Amino acid sequence: MTTKIKQIVRGEIIGQGGIHMEHLIHADTATPSSYIAKYNISKTAADSVYAYVTGSAPNYELHVFGTGKMKDFSECSNIASEYSFTAPWAKYVYVNHSTSNSYIKKVHIHDGVKNIGNCFLYGGNMKSSYKSTTLSSLIISPSVREIGTNAFCCNIPASIVIPCGVRRIYNSAFVAAWDNDNKITNCNVIIPDSVKICDSSAFFNTTWWNNLTDEYVLVGDNCLIKYNGSSSVLQLPNNVKCIELYNTPASVKSAVTEIHMPNSVETIAISGFNGFDGITGIDLSSSLKRISRSAFRNCTSLENIRLPQSVTSIEAMAFYCNTSLKKIFIPNSVEVISSLLNGVKSSATAPFYGCSPSLKIFCEANAKPEGFDAYFNYISDTNTATVYWGVTEDMYENA
């Protein structure tokens, strides 16, 4: 059987009309002379980023100007709250079901702004009388390097143009609404090859995503974001650099027993193999550097794993609830093992939380490195896995 691989190249829009765009125009930096509201959204004192709401109902616009990074926003945990996220312009975002009056319809991120914060225009968990809007226009400056978690969740435009300059698109950044009330029927997407990491569910449930039917789908700088096959053995394409397969159907995940990773892979993105509960063996890339948050979460059949000498970081919940995991080898190259999640370190977000009490962690380092946080070997709120220091690869194989 021939393996079908879809490589989406820079400047290609998959969707309505097959449109092509070879370059993006830089956004202007002149702040508006009149506005309804102005907010300081700078991340640190060294940044200078401001958001402006302009126009009038029912067609407001949101403009972000400045230099540096904007801060992150968050979901409102109470679903009954008037708005679902904490950004100060939330009151201008939503549509009232009874009147169908739309509010923010255009968003423009101007030159100099380095990121789009988490939950920037979040549209989930809304009050029942509201629904999220469909943006008529989204312009993002090439100065932007990262697009945060849930940035435009359920508030996506019909055309998503990621500019050349963006390096990472975080999880659920452009996930579409789950109900049909605000379903976008034709969604076009451009992802340039500047994108090194595309995390879980970044474009999930958009029609663009649903129409990607090749066995393996690669975007940006060879980021594998979708698998449509049915094999028990995943022989990943040779040019893949980043892997994110979280939204693979559960039945397909359970059927996969082996994964063979090419040596081109450098990153397993957030939730990259989350839920592949049938895996018993995996060949890791000799170039692998980053094991992101929840990368191997709920891989409940995996019994042992030897990390290659290239790995430098293991993030929170990386091996969360791997209940069959008996041993793991951590080489000298690993500088950081972290439980950090949303600014907080805890045992509940430790990389090995939920693993078996019999888990043994074999470290090549002779003593605990400074970058391993206090919870690096926690398997529950109070219990830890046994750690052995100064273990060579040969010693590990014979353990």
Protein backbone atom coordinates (compact mmCIF):
# COMPACT_ATOMS: atom_id res chain seq x y z
CA MET A 1 0.00 0.00 0.00
CA THR A 2 1.34 3.43 -0.94
CA THR A 3 1.60 5.90 1.91
CA LYS A 4 -0.23 9.13 1.12
CA ILE A 5 1.38 12.23 2.58
CA LYS A 6 -0.03 15.72 2.24
CA GLN A 7 2.64 18.40 2.59
CA ILE A 8 0.97 21.78 2.86
CA VAL A 9 3.52 24.30 1.61
CA ARG A 10 3.96 27.98 2.43
CA GLY A 11 1.47 30.23 0.71
CA GLU A 12 -1.10 27.51 0.05
CA ILE A 13 -4.66 27.83 1.26
CA ILE A 14 -6.58 24.59 1.46
CA GLY A 15 -10.27 25.29 1.20
CA GLN A 16 -12.60 27.47 -0.75
CA GLY A 17 -11.25 28.33 -4.18
CA GLY A 18 -7.73 26.93 -3.69
CA ILE A 19 -6.44 30.48 -3.26
CA HIS A 20 -2.70 31.13 -3.17
CA MET A 21 -0.88 33.97 -1.41
CA GLU A 22 2.88 34.34 -1.80
CA HIS A 23 3.53 37.15 0.66
CA LEU A 24 1.92 39.07 3.50
CA ILE A 25 1.84 42.85 3.89
CA HIS A 26 3.20 44.24 7.16
CA ALA A 27 0.60 45.88 9.37
CA ASP A 28 0.89 49.60 10.08
CA THR A 29 1.95 50.92 13.49
CA ALA A 30 -0.03 54.18 13.76
CA THR A 31 -2.39 54.03 16.75
CA PRO A 32 -6.02 55.11 16.18
CA SER A 33 -6.89 58.77 16.78
CA SER A 34 -10.28 57.85 18.22
CA TYR A 35 -11.40 54.79 20.12
CA ILE A 36 -14.05 53.52 22.52
CA ALA A 37 -11.71 51.80 24.95
CA LYS A 38 -7.96 51.46 25.51
CA TYR A 39 -6.26 48.77 27.62
CA ASN A 40 -2.68 48.24 28.72
CA ILE A 41 -2.04 44.53 28.12
CA SER A 42 1.76 44.50 28.45
CA LYS A 43 3.20 41.24 29.75
CA THR A 44 6.07 42.86 31.70
CA ALA A 45 7.34 46.33 32.50
CA ALA A 46 9.76 45.98 29.60
CA ASP A 47 6.87 45.55 27.14
CA SER A 48 4.54 48.24 25.84
CA VAL A 49 1.42 46.73 24.29
CA TYR A 50 -2.03 48.34 24.15
CA ALA A 51 -5.40 47.18 22.81
CA TYR A 52 -7.96 49.56 21.32
CA VAL A 53 -11.63 48.97 20.61
CA THR A 54 -12.79 51.12 17.71
CA GLY A 55 -15.89 51.52 15.56
CA SER A 56 -19.47 51.19 16.73
CA ALA A 57 -22.12 48.52 17.25
CA PRO A 58 -22.77 46.15 15.64
CA ASN A 59 -19.29 46.15 14.04
CA TYR A 60 -16.52 46.86 16.54
CA GLU A 61 -12.85 46.34 15.75
CA LEU A 62 -10.02 45.31 18.07
CA HIS A 63 -6.52 46.65 17.35
CA VAL A 64 -3.35 45.77 19.24
CA PHE A 65 -0.33 48.08 18.96
CA GLY A 66 3.04 48.35 20.64
CA THR A 67 6.33 46.56 21.11
CA GLY A 68 7.03 43.32 22.95
CA LYS A 69 4.65 40.76 24.42
CA MET A 70 1.05 40.95 25.59
CA LYS A 71 -0.06 39.15 28.73
CA ASP A 72 -2.13 35.99 28.83
CA PHE A 73 -5.84 35.85 29.64
CA SER A 74 -7.84 32.90 30.91
CA GLU A 75 -11.19 31.15 30.77
CA CYS A 76 -13.81 32.00 33.35
CA SER A 77 -14.30 28.82 35.39
CA ASN A 78 -17.94 29.64 36.11
CA ILE A 79 -19.95 28.78 33.02
CA ALA A 80 -22.78 31.02 34.24
CA SER A 81 -20.58 34.13 34.14
CA GLU A 82 -21.58 36.82 31.73
CA TYR A 83 -18.49 36.29 29.62
CA SER A 84 -16.25 33.28 29.22
CA PHE A 85 -12.82 34.87 29.35
CA THR A 86 -10.98 37.54 31.31
CA ALA A 87 -9.79 39.95 28.61
CA PRO A 88 -11.21 43.44 29.23
CA TRP A 89 -12.85 43.59 25.79
CA ALA A 90 -14.99 40.49 26.44
CA LYS A 91 -18.17 42.59 26.59
CA TYR A 92 -17.65 43.59 22.96
CA VAL A 93 -17.21 40.05 21.63
CA TYR A 94 -20.47 38.14 21.83
CA VAL A 95 -23.72 37.79 19.97
CA ASN A 96 -27.07 37.76 21.76
CA HIS A 97 -29.30 34.98 20.44
CA SER A 98 -32.47 37.03 20.75
CA THR A 99 -31.24 39.99 18.70
CA SER A 100 -28.34 38.54 16.67
CA ASN A 101 -26.38 41.76 17.15
CA SER A 102 -22.72 41.10 16.45
CA TYR A 103 -19.90 42.99 18.10
CA ILE A 104 -16.13 42.59 17.46
CA LYS A 105 -15.91 41.53 13.83
CA LYS A 106 -12.34 42.54 12.95
CA VAL A 107 -9.05 41.94 14.77
CA HIS A 108 -5.75 43.52 13.75
CA ILE A 109 -2.45 42.69 15.49
CA HIS A 110 0.00 45.39 14.35
CA ASP A 111 3.77 45.45 13.81
CA GLY A 112 5.94 45.22 16.90
CA VAL A 113 3.68 42.88 18.88
CA LYS A 114 5.51 39.60 19.53
CA ASN A 115 2.70 37.26 20.58
CA ILE A 116 -1.03 36.71 20.91
CA GLY A 117 -1.86 35.76 24.49
CA ASN A 118 -3.80 32.77 25.77
CA CYS A 119 -7.61 33.18 25.49
CA PHE A 120 -7.18 36.43 23.56
CA LEU A 121 -10.61 36.07 21.96
CA TYR A 122 -11.86 32.91 23.65
CA GLY A 123 -15.37 31.78 22.74
CA GLY A 124 -16.05 28.68 24.80
CA ASN A 125 -18.17 28.13 27.95
CA MET A 126 -20.48 31.03 27.24
CA LYS A 127 -23.65 32.10 28.99
CA SER A 128 -26.56 30.34 27.30
CA SER A 129 -28.00 33.53 25.80
CA TYR A 130 -24.75 34.25 23.94
CA LYS A 131 -22.77 32.61 21.19
CA SER A 132 -19.37 33.34 19.72
CA THR A 133 -18.93 35.54 16.67
CA THR A 134 -17.49 34.74 13.29
CA LEU A 135 -14.74 37.25 12.58
CA SER A 136 -14.96 38.89 9.18
CA SER A 137 -11.27 39.80 9.25
CA LEU A 138 -8.13 38.73 11.12
CA ILE A 139 -4.81 40.37 10.29
CA ILE A 140 -1.70 39.28 12.19
CA SER A 141 1.62 41.08 11.79
CA PRO A 142 4.71 39.07 10.80
CA SER A 143 6.30 40.36 14.02
CA VAL A 144 4.18 37.85 15.98
CA ARG A 145 6.15 34.77 17.02
CA GLU A 146 3.60 32.77 19.08
CA ILE A 147 -0.19 32.36 19.09
CA GLY A 148 -1.37 31.26 22.52
CA THR A 149 -3.64 28.53 23.85
CA ASN A 150 -7.34 29.10 23.02
CA ALA A 151 -6.42 32.45 21.43
CA PHE A 152 -9.32 32.36 18.94
CA CYS A 153 -11.13 29.27 20.21
CA CYS A 154 -14.68 29.25 18.76
CA ASN A 155 -14.14 32.77 17.36
CA ILE A 156 -12.32 31.87 14.17
CA PRO A 157 -12.58 33.77 10.89
CA ALA A 158 -13.40 32.20 7.55
CA SER A 159 -9.81 32.81 6.47
CA ILE A 160 -6.90 32.12 8.83
CA VAL A 161 -3.61 33.52 7.56
CA ILE A 162 -0.63 32.67 9.77
CA PRO A 163 2.13 35.14 8.81
CA CYS A 164 5.71 34.20 8.04
CA GLY A 165 7.32 34.87 11.40
CA VAL A 166 5.12 32.77 13.67
CA ARG A 167 7.16 29.97 15.25
CA ARG A 168 4.59 28.22 17.43
CA ILE A 169 0.81 27.80 17.44
CA TYR A 170 -0.35 26.56 20.85
CA ASN A 171 -3.12 24.08 21.58
CA SER A 172 -6.69 24.93 20.57
CA ALA A 173 -5.62 28.31 19.17
CA PHE A 174 -8.14 28.15 16.31
CA VAL A 175 -10.37 25.26 17.32
CA ALA A 176 -13.85 25.59 15.83
CA ALA A 177 -17.14 25.59 17.74
CA TRP A 178 -18.45 22.11 18.50
CA ASP A 179 -22.10 22.93 17.84
CA ASN A 180 -23.63 23.77 14.48
CA ASP A 181 -24.87 27.18 15.62
CA ASN A 182 -21.64 28.87 14.64
CA LYS A 183 -20.11 26.30 12.31
CA ILE A 184 -17.91 27.79 9.58
CA THR A 185 -18.79 26.05 6.33
CA ASN A 186 -15.73 27.22 4.37
CA CYS A 187 -12.54 27.80 6.33
CA ASN A 188 -9.30 28.63 4.53
CA VAL A 189 -5.92 28.30 6.25
CA ILE A 190 -2.34 29.35 5.45
CA ILE A 191 0.45 27.93 7.60
CA PRO A 192 3.96 29.09 6.56
CA ASP A 193 7.11 27.03 6.95
CA SER A 194 8.26 29.35 9.75
CA VAL A 195 5.97 27.36 12.10
CA LYS A 196 8.16 24.90 14.01
CA ILE A 197 5.58 23.61 16.52
CA CYS A 198 1.84 23.21 15.99
CA ASP A 199 0.27 21.93 19.21
CA SER A 200 -2.77 19.79 19.89
CA SER A 201 -6.12 20.79 18.43
CA ALA A 202 -4.74 24.03 17.01
CA PHE A 203 -7.21 23.89 14.07
CA PHE A 204 -9.42 21.02 15.21
CA ASN A 205 -13.01 20.83 13.96
CA THR A 206 -12.59 23.50 11.30
CA THR A 207 -13.76 22.40 7.88
CA TRP A 208 -10.16 22.86 6.71
CA TRP A 209 -9.06 20.27 9.28
CA ASN A 210 -11.92 17.90 8.50
CA ASN A 211 -11.12 18.00 4.77
CA LEU A 212 -7.51 16.82 5.26
CA THR A 213 -7.84 13.16 4.28
CA ASP A 214 -4.33 11.96 3.34
CA GLU A 215 -2.76 9.30 5.55
CA TYR A 216 -0.21 11.76 6.98
CA VAL A 217 -0.70 15.55 6.94
CA LEU A 218 2.27 17.87 7.43
CA VAL A 219 2.14 21.65 7.81
CA GLY A 220 4.66 24.44 8.43
CA ASP A 221 8.21 23.22 8.91
CA ASN A 222 7.24 19.54 8.63
CA CYS A 223 4.86 19.41 11.60
CA LEU A 224 2.81 16.21 11.52
CA ILE A 225 -0.69 17.22 12.67
CA LYS A 226 -2.98 14.48 11.43
CA TYR A 227 -2.99 10.73 10.81
CA ASN A 228 -5.84 9.19 8.82
CA GLY A 229 -4.51 5.64 8.53
CA SER A 230 -5.45 2.40 10.25
CA SER A 231 -2.17 0.49 10.61
CA SER A 232 -1.04 -1.08 13.87
CA VAL A 233 2.48 0.11 13.08
CA LEU A 234 3.09 3.82 12.55
CA GLN A 235 6.05 4.30 10.23
CA LEU A 236 6.24 8.09 10.31
CA PRO A 237 7.44 10.01 7.23
CA ASN A 238 11.18 10.65 7.03
CA ASN A 239 11.03 14.47 7.00
CA VAL A 240 8.84 14.99 10.10
CA LYS A 241 10.30 17.40 12.68
CA CYS A 242 7.38 17.87 15.08
CA ILE A 243 4.55 15.45 16.00
CA GLU A 244 1.04 16.23 17.25
CA LEU A 245 -1.52 13.46 16.81
CA TYR A 246 -3.86 14.06 19.75
CA ASN A 247 -7.01 14.27 17.63
CA THR A 248 -6.50 10.88 16.02
CA PRO A 249 -9.72 8.86 16.59
CA ALA A 250 -9.64 6.78 19.79
CA SER A 251 -10.20 3.53 17.90
CA VAL A 252 -7.17 4.22 15.69
CA LYS A 253 -5.01 5.14 18.70
CA SER A 254 -5.89 1.90 20.47
CA ALA A 255 -5.04 -0.16 17.38
CA VAL A 256 -1.50 1.25 17.14
CA THR A 257 1.03 -0.99 18.89
CA GLU A 258 4.34 0.30 17.50
CA ILE A 259 5.69 3.70 16.47
CA HIS A 260 8.82 4.11 14.36
CA MET A 261 10.03 7.69 14.45
CA PRO A 262 12.52 9.06 11.88
CA ASN A 263 15.68 10.75 13.17
CA SER A 264 14.45 14.08 11.80
CA VAL A 265 11.98 14.50 14.71
CA GLU A 266 13.01 17.21 17.21
CA THR A 267 9.79 17.85 19.15
CA ILE A 268 6.81 15.90 20.41
CA ALA A 269 4.26 18.68 20.79
CA ILE A 270 1.66 19.10 23.54
CA SER A 271 -0.39 15.87 23.76
CA GLY A 272 1.48 14.53 20.73
CA PHE A 273 0.73 10.85 21.50
CA ASN A 274 -1.83 11.41 24.26
CA GLY A 275 -4.22 8.46 24.43
CA PHE A 276 -2.27 5.99 22.27
CA ASP A 277 -3.09 3.32 24.81
CA GLY A 278 -2.09 0.34 22.64
CA ILE A 279 1.58 1.28 22.21
CA THR A 280 3.97 -1.35 23.54
CA GLY A 281 7.09 -0.17 21.72
CA ILE A 282 8.43 3.09 20.30
CA ASP A 283 11.61 3.99 18.45
CA LEU A 284 12.49 7.56 19.35
CA SER A 285 14.40 9.95 17.10
CA SER A 286 18.10 10.43 17.80
CA SER A 287 17.46 14.16 17.25
CA LEU A 288 14.57 14.44 19.72
CA LYS A 289 15.02 17.43 22.04
CA ARG A 290 11.68 18.35 23.59
CA ILE A 291 9.04 16.10 25.13
CA SER A 292 6.18 18.54 25.64
CA ARG A 293 3.36 18.54 28.15
CA SER A 294 1.22 15.38 28.09
CA ALA A 295 3.25 14.05 25.15
CA PHE A 296 2.80 10.39 26.17
CA ARG A 297 -0.13 10.85 28.52
CA ASN A 298 -2.37 7.79 28.93
CA CYS A 299 -0.08 5.50 26.94
CA THR A 300 -1.17 2.77 29.31
CA SER A 301 0.47 -0.21 27.53
CA LEU A 302 3.97 1.26 27.33
CA GLU A 303 6.25 -0.67 29.71
CA ASN A 304 9.67 0.89 29.17
CA ILE A 305 11.25 3.76 27.30
CA ARG A 306 14.85 4.75 26.70
CA LEU A 307 15.29 8.42 25.91
CA PRO A 308 18.00 9.25 23.36
CA GLN A 309 21.05 11.35 24.23
CA SER A 310 19.55 14.32 22.36
CA VAL A 311 16.63 15.00 24.74
CA THR A 312 17.01 18.19 26.79
CA SER A 313 13.59 18.78 28.38
CA ILE A 314 10.61 16.82 29.74
CA GLU A 315 7.53 18.88 30.51
CA ALA A 316 4.61 18.52 32.92
CA MET A 317 2.50 15.36 32.70
CA ALA A 318 4.65 14.02 29.87
CA PHE A 319 4.08 10.37 30.95
CA TYR A 320 0.93 11.01 33.00
CA CYS A 321 -0.99 7.85 33.95
CA ASN A 322 1.28 5.45 32.08
CA THR A 323 0.12 2.71 34.41
CA SER A 324 2.21 -0.07 32.84
CA LEU A 325 5.48 1.89 32.72
CA LYS A 326 8.11 -0.08 34.65
CA LYS A 327 11.33 1.70 33.77
CA ILE A 328 12.68 4.71 31.91
CA PHE A 329 16.22 5.82 31.03
CA ILE A 330 17.01 9.53 31.31
CA PRO A 331 20.35 10.46 29.70
CA ASN A 332 22.82 13.15 30.74
CA SER A 333 21.53 15.42 27.99
CA VAL A 334 18.27 16.08 29.90
CA GLU A 335 18.60 19.46 31.61
CA VAL A 336 15.00 20.08 32.67
CA ILE A 337 12.23 17.89 34.08
CA SER A 338 9.37 20.15 35.08
CA SER A 339 5.89 19.98 36.61
CA LEU A 340 5.21 23.61 35.71
CA LEU A 341 1.67 24.22 34.45
CA ASN A 342 -0.01 27.63 34.27
CA GLY A 343 2.76 29.12 36.37
CA VAL A 344 2.46 26.56 39.19
CA LYS A 345 4.58 23.51 40.04
CA SER A 346 2.90 20.63 41.87
CA SER A 347 2.91 16.87 42.35
CA ALA A 348 -0.41 16.63 40.46
CA THR A 349 1.25 17.89 37.27
CA ALA A 350 4.48 15.91 37.64
CA PRO A 351 5.65 14.14 34.46
CA PHE A 352 5.11 10.65 35.97
CA TYR A 353 1.95 11.34 38.01
CA GLY A 354 -0.38 8.34 37.96
CA CYS A 355 2.33 5.85 36.96
CA SER A 356 2.81 2.52 38.72
CA PRO A 357 4.40 2.47 42.21
CA SER A 358 6.90 -0.02 40.74
CA LEU A 359 8.25 2.53 38.25
CA LYS A 360 12.04 2.84 38.27
CA ILE A 361 13.74 5.95 36.89
CA PHE A 362 17.31 5.35 35.74
CA CYS A 363 19.32 8.56 35.37
CA GLU A 364 22.72 8.77 33.75
CA ALA A 365 23.55 11.82 35.88
CA ASN A 366 25.41 11.07 39.09
CA ALA A 367 23.17 13.40 41.12
CA LYS A 368 19.93 15.36 40.67
CA PRO A 369 20.53 18.19 38.17
CA GLU A 370 19.44 21.69 39.12
CA GLY A 371 16.83 21.73 36.33
CA PHE A 372 14.92 18.72 37.75
CA ASP A 373 12.22 20.28 39.92
CA ALA A 374 11.13 18.99 43.34
CA TYR A 375 8.28 16.92 41.86
CA PHE A 376 10.16 15.34 38.96
CA ASN A 377 9.69 11.76 40.22
CA TYR A 378 6.27 12.06 41.94
CA ILE A 379 3.72 9.40 40.95
CA SER A 380 0.98 10.60 43.33
CA ASP A 381 0.42 13.46 45.76
CA THR A 382 2.66 11.80 48.34
CA ASN A 383 4.56 8.93 46.67
CA THR A 384 7.62 8.97 44.44
CA ALA A 385 9.20 6.57 41.97
CA THR A 386 12.57 5.06 42.84
CA VAL A 387 15.45 6.92 41.18
CA TYR A 388 18.82 5.36 40.39
CA TRP A 389 21.73 7.73 39.66
CA GLY A 390 24.85 7.14 37.59
CA VAL A 391 23.26 4.48 35.38
CA THR A 392 24.74 3.86 31.92
CA GLU A 393 22.65 2.74 28.96
CA ASP A 394 24.13 -0.75 29.18
CA MET A 395 23.25 -0.96 32.85
CA TYR A 396 19.72 0.14 32.04
CA GLU A 397 19.29 -2.52 29.35
CA ASN A 398 20.31 -5.20 31.85
CA ALA A 399 18.18 -3.86 34.71
